[in-house]
Amino acid sequence: MGFVPEWTQDLPNRGFELKKVRGIDFKIGLGVAWNREEPTASRDDIIDIARSLVRPGR
């Protein structure tokens, strides 16, 4: 499961399918959204984002 920006729907040869969803439980998972200028997220970026989402005591 992942979440991507809406502008990715116009990318050619993408390896994923976009579907509308409702009632997402963010305890299940969270994907990294990137930008047009730098379309890849590095390992360190992913770790930094994950750490920023962690609540103390969990």
C-alpha atoms as a PDB file:
ATOM      1  CA  MET A   1       0.000   0.000   0.000  1.00  0.00           C
ATOM      2  CA  GLY A   2       1.298   3.428  -0.819  1.00  0.00           C
ATOM      3  CA  PHE A   3       0.196   6.977  -1.346  1.00  0.00           C
ATOM      4  CA  VAL A   4       1.377   9.022  -4.307  1.00  0.00           C
ATOM      5  CA  PRO A   5       0.704  12.570  -5.523  1.00  0.00           C
ATOM      6  CA  GLU A   6      -2.156  12.981  -7.993  1.00  0.00           C
ATOM      7  CA  TRP A   7       0.183  14.322 -10.704  1.00  0.00           C
ATOM      8  CA  THR A   8       1.659  10.819 -11.069  1.00  0.00           C
ATOM      9  CA  GLN A   9      -1.487   9.700 -12.907  1.00  0.00           C
ATOM     10  CA  ASP A  10      -0.090  11.350 -16.070  1.00  0.00           C
ATOM     11  CA  LEU A  11       3.308   9.633 -15.948  1.00  0.00           C
ATOM     12  CA  PRO A  12       3.947   7.157 -18.777  1.00  0.00           C
ATOM     13  CA  ASN A  13       4.911   3.554 -17.965  1.00  0.00           C
ATOM     14  CA  ARG A  14       4.245   3.833 -14.248  1.00  0.00           C
ATOM     15  CA  GLY A  15       4.412   0.594 -12.308  1.00  0.00           C
ATOM     16  CA  PHE A  16       1.349   1.208 -10.152  1.00  0.00           C
ATOM     17  CA  GLU A  17      -2.372   1.844 -10.385  1.00  0.00           C
ATOM     18  CA  LEU A  18      -4.183   4.730  -8.710  1.00  0.00           C
ATOM     19  CA  LYS A  19      -7.480   3.980  -6.974  1.00  0.00           C
ATOM     20  CA  LYS A  20      -9.756   6.210  -4.926  1.00  0.00           C
ATOM     21  CA  VAL A  21     -10.000   5.086  -1.311  1.00  0.00           C
ATOM     22  CA  ARG A  22     -11.959   6.044   1.800  1.00  0.00           C
ATOM     23  CA  GLY A  23     -11.430   5.404   5.468  1.00  0.00           C
ATOM     24  CA  ILE A  24      -7.654   4.966   5.462  1.00  0.00           C
ATOM     25  CA  ASP A  25      -6.169   3.812   8.757  1.00  0.00           C
ATOM     26  CA  PHE A  26      -2.731   5.435   8.893  1.00  0.00           C
ATOM     27  CA  LYS A  27      -1.631   2.833  11.430  1.00  0.00           C
ATOM     28  CA  ILE A  28      -1.472   0.386   8.516  1.00  0.00           C
ATOM     29  CA  GLY A  29       1.100   2.219   6.444  1.00  0.00           C
ATOM     30  CA  LEU A  30       2.249   5.438   4.879  1.00  0.00           C
ATOM     31  CA  GLY A  31       4.078   6.090   1.639  1.00  0.00           C
ATOM     32  CA  VAL A  32       6.478   8.848   0.725  1.00  0.00           C
ATOM     33  CA  ALA A  33       5.282  11.599  -1.600  1.00  0.00           C
ATOM     34  CA  TRP A  34       8.044  13.111  -3.683  1.00  0.00           C
ATOM     35  CA  ASN A  35       8.194  16.163  -5.922  1.00  0.00           C
ATOM     36  CA  ARG A  36       8.665  16.761  -9.657  1.00  0.00           C
ATOM     37  CA  GLU A  37      12.209  18.082  -9.298  1.00  0.00           C
ATOM     38  CA  GLU A  38      13.470  15.044  -7.361  1.00  0.00           C
ATOM     39  CA  PRO A  39      11.236  12.053  -8.150  1.00  0.00           C
ATOM     40  CA  THR A  40      13.037   9.620  -5.859  1.00  0.00           C
ATOM     41  CA  ALA A  41      13.116   9.494  -2.091  1.00  0.00           C
ATOM     42  CA  SER A  42      16.387   8.390  -0.567  1.00  0.00           C
ATOM     43  CA  ARG A  43      16.635   5.901   2.282  1.00  0.00           C
ATOM     44  CA  ASP A  44      17.559   8.748   4.653  1.00  0.00           C
ATOM     45  CA  ASP A  45      14.517  10.783   3.538  1.00  0.00           C
ATOM     46  CA  ILE A  46      12.224   7.833   4.273  1.00  0.00           C
ATOM     47  CA  ILE A  47      13.786   7.280   7.711  1.00  0.00           C
ATOM     48  CA  ASP A  48      13.505  10.999   8.575  1.00  0.00           C
ATOM     49  CA  ILE A  49       9.827  11.052   7.603  1.00  0.00           C
ATOM     50  CA  ALA A  50       9.114   7.871   9.574  1.00  0.00           C
ATOM     51  CA  ARG A  51      10.864   9.254  12.660  1.00  0.00           C
ATOM     52  CA  SER A  52       8.860  12.472  12.431  1.00  0.00           C
ATOM     53  CA  LEU A  53       5.637  10.422  12.543  1.00  0.00           C
ATOM     54  CA  VAL A  54       6.511   8.365  15.618  1.00  0.00           C
ATOM     55  CA  ARG A  55       4.665   9.371  18.748  1.00  0.00           C
ATOM     56  CA  PRO A  56       6.580   9.271  22.037  1.00  0.00           C
ATOM     57  CA  GLY A  57       5.832   6.141  24.036  1.00  0.00           C
ATOM     58  CA  ARG A  58       5.005   3.958  21.035  1.00  0.00           C
END
